[in-house]
């Protein structure tokens, strides 16, 4: 065969080979469900992916749960989970002992929990907001990284005195109230009554940080804002303040008898209630209590939602194993159903 004839044959053979390889790759990706667009996110979501794969139906099915006593702490919004779910975990997995630790001199909250985790006082932390760049940097200076594993969806509720007559608020109106631009309820469709805003301090927890960053746009609180130490204290003040307003995690606010959680919206008049309709009047409480509007939180109709995270120390030691195990327990079918029962929305 002449050299002139060999060249087209070689080219044709090469094209056939490339076609076979490409077709085989296409068949493999279709059959395996591989999505090339997801490859870039694999590195950043490794722990979340491992958690999802290793979670089972119930607490007993979770593998690689370490034995010992592990201290944890952080967000006050996590209180319903600590009270109602962690005891169930302890009963099912007695080898995995959990101890809630509040660092001396620190106000409980997401920031305090993550700080204690970085400082070596906790095995893992509970947070109601993402880990900040500063916290990631501090951890790296200590020789390890931090990973945040989402386990539930929470909503922010805005509470007022139950006697206040107002249909709802927009997110922009909440911003204007807390920055001092709006100071009377008549400016937002209510009675001629001064507004008295209450809040915890920004150093006190992830909920306040969420409001400052995502609702106030980084602007400082107005001078009329009165700071309180806890949600319990704020709700007590709100019950005796006709023009009062306060915000907190929805499970902490919606079922309360002494306050009213307001419907919220992205635009005026388009309000979504954080409770299931019809509203239960205070006179019928506590025999009946308002229940959370889980569907609106899950669908995104309600305008202010967030994730709850387990923050894990990535150091290859038992602390990391404990944090991942705790996440896996909460991500089981049993854990997610219990999360729904506490008033949060399951993430899986």
Protein backbone atom coordinates (compact mmCIF):
# COMPACT_ATOMS: atom_id res chain seq x y z
CA UNK A 1 0.00 0.00 0.00
CA UNK A 2 1.42 3.44 -0.92
CA UNK A 3 2.10 6.11 1.64
CA UNK A 4 -0.52 8.32 -0.07
CA UNK A 5 -3.25 5.76 0.70
CA UNK A 6 -2.06 5.05 4.25
CA UNK A 7 -2.61 8.62 5.47
CA UNK A 8 -6.42 8.77 4.89
CA UNK A 9 -6.80 5.32 6.44
CA UNK A 10 -4.87 6.38 9.56
CA UNK A 11 -6.94 9.56 9.86
CA UNK A 12 -10.17 7.58 9.49
CA UNK A 13 -9.04 5.07 12.12
CA UNK A 14 -8.21 7.88 14.52
CA UNK A 15 -11.62 9.51 14.05
CA UNK A 16 -13.38 6.19 14.67
CA UNK A 17 -11.36 5.64 17.84
CA UNK A 18 -12.18 9.14 19.14
CA UNK A 19 -15.86 8.57 18.35
CA UNK A 20 -15.91 5.28 20.24
CA UNK A 21 -14.21 6.83 23.28
CA UNK A 22 -16.55 9.84 23.26
CA UNK A 23 -19.62 7.67 22.85
CA UNK A 24 -18.50 5.42 25.67
CA UNK A 25 -17.95 8.41 27.96
CA UNK A 26 -21.39 9.81 27.06
CA UNK A 27 -22.98 6.40 27.84
CA UNK A 28 -21.11 6.22 31.17
CA UNK A 29 -22.18 9.68 32.31
CA UNK A 30 -25.81 9.02 31.38
CA UNK A 31 -25.88 5.68 33.20
CA UNK A 32 -23.95 6.80 36.26
CA UNK A 33 -25.80 10.12 36.73
CA UNK A 34 -22.53 12.07 36.71
CA UNK A 35 -23.01 15.79 36.21
CA UNK A 36 -19.90 17.57 35.02
CA UNK A 37 -21.14 20.86 36.40
CA UNK A 38 -20.98 19.40 39.92
CA UNK A 39 -17.32 18.37 39.78
CA UNK A 40 -16.03 21.80 40.83
CA UNK A 41 -18.12 21.71 44.02
CA UNK A 42 -16.98 18.28 45.22
CA UNK A 43 -13.97 19.56 47.14
CA UNK A 44 -15.91 22.23 49.01
CA UNK A 45 -18.76 19.91 49.93
CA UNK A 46 -16.83 16.77 50.89
CA UNK A 47 -18.05 16.54 54.49
CA UNK A 48 -21.63 17.29 53.56
CA UNK A 49 -21.50 14.55 50.89
CA UNK A 50 -19.98 12.05 53.33
CA UNK A 51 -22.66 12.87 55.91
CA UNK A 52 -25.46 12.34 53.42
CA UNK A 53 -24.07 8.99 52.30
CA UNK A 54 -23.38 7.66 55.77
CA UNK A 55 -26.72 8.71 57.30
CA UNK A 56 -29.32 5.98 57.65
CA UNK A 57 -32.85 5.52 58.86
CA UNK A 58 -32.27 5.81 62.59
CA UNK A 59 -29.67 6.65 65.22
CA UNK A 60 -28.66 3.00 65.65
CA UNK A 61 -27.68 2.73 61.97
CA UNK A 62 -25.04 5.49 62.03
CA UNK A 63 -21.47 4.22 61.81
CA UNK A 64 -18.17 5.64 63.10
CA UNK A 65 -19.71 7.15 66.23
CA UNK A 66 -16.87 7.67 68.74
CA UNK A 67 -16.95 6.60 72.37
CA UNK A 68 -16.41 9.19 75.09
CA UNK A 69 -17.63 12.49 76.52
CA UNK A 70 -17.79 15.38 74.06
CA UNK A 71 -18.51 19.00 74.93
CA UNK A 72 -20.51 21.12 72.52
CA UNK A 73 -22.36 24.45 72.51
CA UNK A 74 -23.15 27.58 70.56
CA UNK A 75 -26.34 29.04 69.10
CA UNK A 76 -29.29 29.71 71.42
CA UNK A 77 -31.58 28.99 68.46
CA UNK A 78 -30.50 25.35 68.79
CA UNK A 79 -32.10 25.08 72.25
CA UNK A 80 -35.15 23.03 71.06
CA UNK A 81 -32.81 20.51 69.39
CA UNK A 82 -30.62 20.24 72.48
CA UNK A 83 -33.64 19.77 74.73
CA UNK A 84 -35.70 17.37 72.64
CA UNK A 85 -33.40 15.51 70.25
CA UNK A 86 -30.07 15.14 72.04
CA UNK A 87 -31.69 13.12 74.82
CA UNK A 88 -33.01 10.73 72.15
CA UNK A 89 -29.49 10.43 70.73
CA UNK A 90 -28.13 9.67 74.19
CA UNK A 91 -30.70 6.93 74.74
CA UNK A 92 -29.90 5.27 71.40
CA UNK A 93 -26.13 5.77 71.52
CA UNK A 94 -25.05 5.74 75.19
CA UNK A 95 -21.39 5.45 74.18
CA UNK A 96 -21.58 8.92 72.59
CA UNK A 97 -22.00 11.16 75.63
CA UNK A 98 -22.81 14.82 75.02
CA UNK A 99 -22.25 17.71 77.42
CA UNK A 100 -23.57 21.20 76.71
CA UNK A 101 -20.92 23.70 77.74
CA UNK A 102 -21.39 27.44 78.11
CA UNK A 103 -18.01 29.13 78.29
CA UNK A 104 -17.55 31.22 81.41
CA UNK A 105 -17.81 34.94 80.72
CA UNK A 106 -19.24 34.45 77.23
CA UNK A 107 -22.83 35.20 76.19
CA UNK A 108 -24.27 32.07 74.56
CA UNK A 109 -24.47 32.27 70.78
CA UNK A 110 -23.06 31.06 67.47
CA UNK A 111 -20.00 33.30 67.66
CA UNK A 112 -19.17 32.23 71.21
CA UNK A 113 -19.54 28.56 70.27
CA UNK A 114 -17.29 28.82 67.22
CA UNK A 115 -14.71 30.78 69.23
CA UNK A 116 -14.70 28.08 71.93
CA UNK A 117 -14.34 25.41 69.24
CA UNK A 118 -11.30 27.17 67.76
CA UNK A 119 -9.82 27.65 71.24
CA UNK A 120 -10.10 23.93 71.96
CA UNK A 121 -12.88 24.08 74.56
CA UNK A 122 -15.51 22.30 72.46
CA UNK A 123 -15.48 19.19 70.28
CA UNK A 124 -17.95 20.77 67.83
CA UNK A 125 -20.22 23.83 67.71
CA UNK A 126 -23.81 24.59 66.78
CA UNK A 127 -24.38 27.69 64.66
CA UNK A 128 -27.35 29.55 63.19
CA UNK A 129 -25.20 31.34 60.62
CA UNK A 130 -22.30 30.47 58.30
CA UNK A 131 -18.73 30.53 59.56
CA UNK A 132 -17.11 33.92 58.90
CA UNK A 133 -13.87 34.54 57.02
CA UNK A 134 -12.28 35.78 60.25
CA UNK A 135 -13.17 32.54 62.02
CA UNK A 136 -11.79 30.47 59.16
CA UNK A 137 -8.58 32.48 59.33
CA UNK A 138 -8.26 32.01 63.10
CA UNK A 139 -8.73 28.27 62.71
CA UNK A 140 -6.07 28.08 60.00
CA UNK A 141 -3.67 29.92 62.29
CA UNK A 142 -4.28 27.12 64.84
CA UNK A 143 -3.40 24.51 62.23
CA UNK A 144 -6.82 23.19 61.17
CA UNK A 145 -9.84 24.15 59.06
CA UNK A 146 -13.55 24.39 59.84
CA UNK A 147 -16.40 22.75 57.99
CA UNK A 148 -20.08 23.65 58.33
CA UNK A 149 -22.67 20.93 57.76
CA UNK A 150 -26.28 22.12 57.28
CA UNK A 151 -28.82 20.01 59.16
CA UNK A 152 -32.04 22.09 59.26
CA UNK A 153 -33.84 25.17 57.97
CA UNK A 154 -34.94 27.86 60.40
CA UNK A 155 -37.03 31.00 59.93
CA UNK A 156 -36.78 34.36 61.63
CA UNK A 157 -39.97 35.62 63.26
CA UNK A 158 -40.76 39.21 64.22
CA UNK A 159 -42.90 39.58 67.35
CA UNK A 160 -45.00 42.49 68.61
CA UNK A 161 -47.38 43.11 71.49
CA UNK A 162 -50.54 41.02 70.87
CA UNK A 163 -52.76 44.12 71.06
CA UNK A 164 -50.96 45.96 68.25
CA UNK A 165 -53.18 46.26 65.17
CA UNK A 166 -50.99 45.92 62.08
CA UNK A 167 -51.33 43.49 59.13
CA UNK A 168 -47.63 42.83 58.65
CA UNK A 169 -44.24 44.28 57.73
CA UNK A 170 -41.91 44.15 54.76
CA UNK A 171 -38.24 43.32 55.14
CA UNK A 172 -37.37 46.92 54.17
CA UNK A 173 -39.69 48.26 56.88
CA UNK A 174 -37.97 46.08 59.47
CA UNK A 175 -34.67 47.56 58.33
CA UNK A 176 -36.02 51.10 58.65
CA UNK A 177 -37.37 50.41 62.14
CA UNK A 178 -34.10 49.02 63.46
CA UNK A 179 -31.93 51.71 61.84
CA UNK A 180 -34.15 54.50 63.22
CA UNK A 181 -35.71 55.78 60.00
CA UNK A 182 -39.19 54.67 61.08
CA UNK A 183 -40.13 55.36 64.70
CA UNK A 184 -43.94 55.33 64.79
CA UNK A 185 -46.35 52.54 63.91
CA UNK A 186 -48.50 54.99 61.94
CA UNK A 187 -45.70 55.09 59.33
CA UNK A 188 -46.31 51.43 58.48
CA UNK A 189 -50.10 51.28 58.61
CA UNK A 190 -50.55 50.94 62.38
CA UNK A 191 -51.79 53.22 65.16
CA UNK A 192 -50.17 56.49 66.22
CA UNK A 193 -47.83 54.81 68.69
CA UNK A 194 -44.05 55.08 69.17
CA UNK A 195 -42.09 51.99 68.15
CA UNK A 196 -39.86 50.43 70.79
CA UNK A 197 -37.41 47.99 69.15
CA UNK A 198 -35.63 45.34 71.22
CA UNK A 199 -32.62 43.28 70.19
CA UNK A 200 -29.78 41.28 71.59
CA UNK A 201 -26.32 42.71 70.93
CA UNK A 202 -24.47 41.70 67.79
CA UNK A 203 -21.84 39.87 69.82
CA UNK A 204 -24.56 37.71 71.39
CA UNK A 205 -25.39 35.37 68.56
CA UNK A 206 -25.87 34.37 64.94
CA UNK A 207 -29.47 35.61 64.79
CA UNK A 208 -28.39 39.20 65.44
CA UNK A 209 -25.52 38.87 62.97
CA UNK A 210 -27.97 37.61 60.35
CA UNK A 211 -30.23 40.64 60.86
CA UNK A 212 -27.36 43.14 60.74
CA UNK A 213 -25.77 41.62 57.64
CA UNK A 214 -28.75 40.46 55.59
CA UNK A 215 -31.55 42.82 56.66
CA UNK A 216 -29.83 46.00 57.84
CA UNK A 217 -27.20 45.72 55.10
CA UNK A 218 -24.39 46.25 57.59
CA UNK A 219 -25.85 49.47 59.00
CA UNK A 220 -25.72 49.97 62.78
CA UNK A 221 -28.75 49.79 65.03
CA UNK A 222 -30.54 53.06 65.69
CA UNK A 223 -30.17 54.82 69.04
CA UNK A 224 -33.75 53.91 70.02
CA UNK A 225 -32.99 50.15 70.07
CA UNK A 226 -32.94 48.71 73.58
CA UNK A 227 -30.57 45.78 74.04
CA UNK A 228 -31.52 42.73 76.09
CA UNK A 229 -29.53 39.67 77.14
CA UNK A 230 -31.92 36.88 76.16
CA UNK A 231 -35.01 36.17 74.10
CA UNK A 232 -36.90 35.34 77.31
CA UNK A 233 -36.15 38.82 78.67
CA UNK A 234 -37.16 40.42 75.36
CA UNK A 235 -40.51 38.62 75.24
CA UNK A 236 -41.26 39.68 78.81
CA UNK A 237 -40.58 43.31 77.90
CA UNK A 238 -42.60 42.99 74.70
CA UNK A 239 -45.66 41.74 76.57
CA UNK A 240 -45.68 44.95 78.62
CA UNK A 241 -44.74 47.33 75.80
CA UNK A 242 -47.67 48.31 73.49
CA UNK A 243 -45.31 49.52 70.74
CA UNK A 244 -42.58 46.92 71.21
CA UNK A 245 -40.99 44.77 68.50
CA UNK A 246 -38.44 41.95 68.65
CA UNK A 247 -37.06 39.22 66.37
CA UNK A 248 -35.84 35.68 67.07
CA UNK A 249 -35.89 32.14 65.74
CA UNK A 250 -39.48 31.22 64.77
CA UNK A 251 -39.76 28.21 67.16
CA UNK A 252 -38.91 30.56 70.03
CA UNK A 253 -41.61 33.08 69.10
CA UNK A 254 -44.57 31.61 67.22
CA UNK A 255 -45.96 29.33 69.99
CA UNK A 256 -45.74 32.02 72.70
CA UNK A 257 -48.99 33.20 74.31
CA UNK A 258 -47.79 36.66 75.36
CA UNK A 259 -46.75 38.01 71.93
CA UNK A 260 -47.90 37.96 68.33
CA UNK A 261 -45.66 36.90 65.44
CA UNK A 262 -46.19 39.21 62.45
CA UNK A 263 -46.75 38.13 58.85
CA UNK A 264 -43.80 39.32 56.72
CA UNK A 265 -43.35 40.04 53.04
CA UNK A 266 -40.86 41.15 50.43
CA UNK A 267 -43.40 43.70 49.15
CA UNK A 268 -46.12 45.62 50.95
CA UNK A 269 -49.41 43.76 51.18
CA UNK A 270 -47.87 40.44 50.11
CA UNK A 271 -47.43 39.02 53.61
CA UNK A 272 -46.84 35.42 54.63
CA UNK A 273 -47.53 34.39 58.20
CA UNK A 274 -44.92 32.38 60.14
CA UNK A 275 -47.80 30.48 61.73
CA UNK A 276 -50.48 28.23 60.28
CA UNK A 277 -53.76 30.02 59.63
CA UNK A 278 -56.07 30.75 61.33
CA UNK A 279 -54.20 32.66 64.03
CA UNK A 280 -54.80 31.36 67.56
CA UNK A 281 -55.84 34.27 69.79
CA UNK A 282 -53.97 34.79 73.09
CA UNK A 283 -57.25 34.14 74.94
CA UNK A 284 -57.19 30.54 73.67
CA UNK A 285 -53.57 29.99 74.64
CA UNK A 286 -52.05 27.83 76.18
CA UNK A 287 -54.85 25.29 75.53
CA UNK A 288 -54.16 25.95 71.86
CA UNK A 289 -50.94 27.38 70.46
CA UNK A 290 -49.96 28.71 67.07
CA UNK A 291 -48.05 26.21 64.95
CA UNK A 292 -45.19 26.97 62.59
CA UNK A 293 -45.89 27.47 58.89
CA UNK A 294 -43.44 24.76 57.85
CA UNK A 295 -44.62 24.71 54.22
CA UNK A 296 -43.89 28.42 53.75
CA UNK A 297 -40.44 28.06 55.30
CA UNK A 298 -39.57 25.08 53.12
CA UNK A 299 -40.89 26.54 49.87
CA UNK A 300 -39.20 29.93 50.33
CA UNK A 301 -42.49 31.86 50.36
CA UNK A 302 -41.62 33.18 53.80
CA UNK A 303 -39.00 35.92 53.26
CA UNK A 304 -36.47 35.28 56.05
CA UNK A 305 -35.03 31.79 56.40
CA UNK A 306 -31.58 30.38 57.12
CA UNK A 307 -29.72 27.13 57.69
CA UNK A 308 -28.60 25.69 61.00
CA UNK A 309 -25.07 24.25 60.91
CA UNK A 310 -22.91 21.84 62.86
CA UNK A 311 -19.41 23.36 62.77
CA UNK A 312 -16.74 20.65 62.67
CA UNK A 313 -13.03 20.99 63.45
CA UNK A 314 -11.14 19.40 60.53
CA UNK A 315 -8.11 18.12 62.43
CA UNK A 316 -8.27 14.37 61.77
CA UNK A 317 -8.80 13.64 65.47
CA UNK A 318 -11.70 12.57 67.69
CA UNK A 319 -13.21 16.08 67.67
CA UNK A 320 -13.71 15.82 63.92
CA UNK A 321 -15.15 12.31 64.27
CA UNK A 322 -17.56 13.52 66.98
CA UNK A 323 -18.76 16.51 64.92
CA UNK A 324 -19.35 14.43 61.80
CA UNK A 325 -21.08 11.71 63.85
CA UNK A 326 -23.41 14.26 65.47
CA UNK A 327 -24.26 15.66 62.02
CA UNK A 328 -24.89 12.18 60.66
CA UNK A 329 -27.22 11.39 63.55
CA UNK A 330 -29.27 14.52 62.88
CA UNK A 331 -29.34 13.76 59.14
CA UNK A 332 -30.87 10.31 59.58
CA UNK A 333 -34.56 9.91 58.79
CA UNK A 334 -35.21 9.69 62.53
CA UNK A 335 -33.18 12.84 63.22
CA UNK A 336 -34.86 14.82 60.45
CA UNK A 337 -38.34 13.86 61.63
CA UNK A 338 -37.47 14.93 65.17
CA UNK A 339 -36.13 18.21 63.79
CA UNK A 340 -39.54 18.81 62.19
CA UNK A 341 -41.20 18.12 65.53
CA UNK A 342 -39.07 20.77 67.25
CA UNK A 343 -40.34 23.42 64.81
CA UNK A 344 -37.47 23.54 62.34
CA UNK A 345 -37.67 22.30 58.76
CA UNK A 346 -35.82 19.16 57.77
CA UNK A 347 -33.16 19.76 55.16
CA UNK A 348 -33.35 16.32 53.53
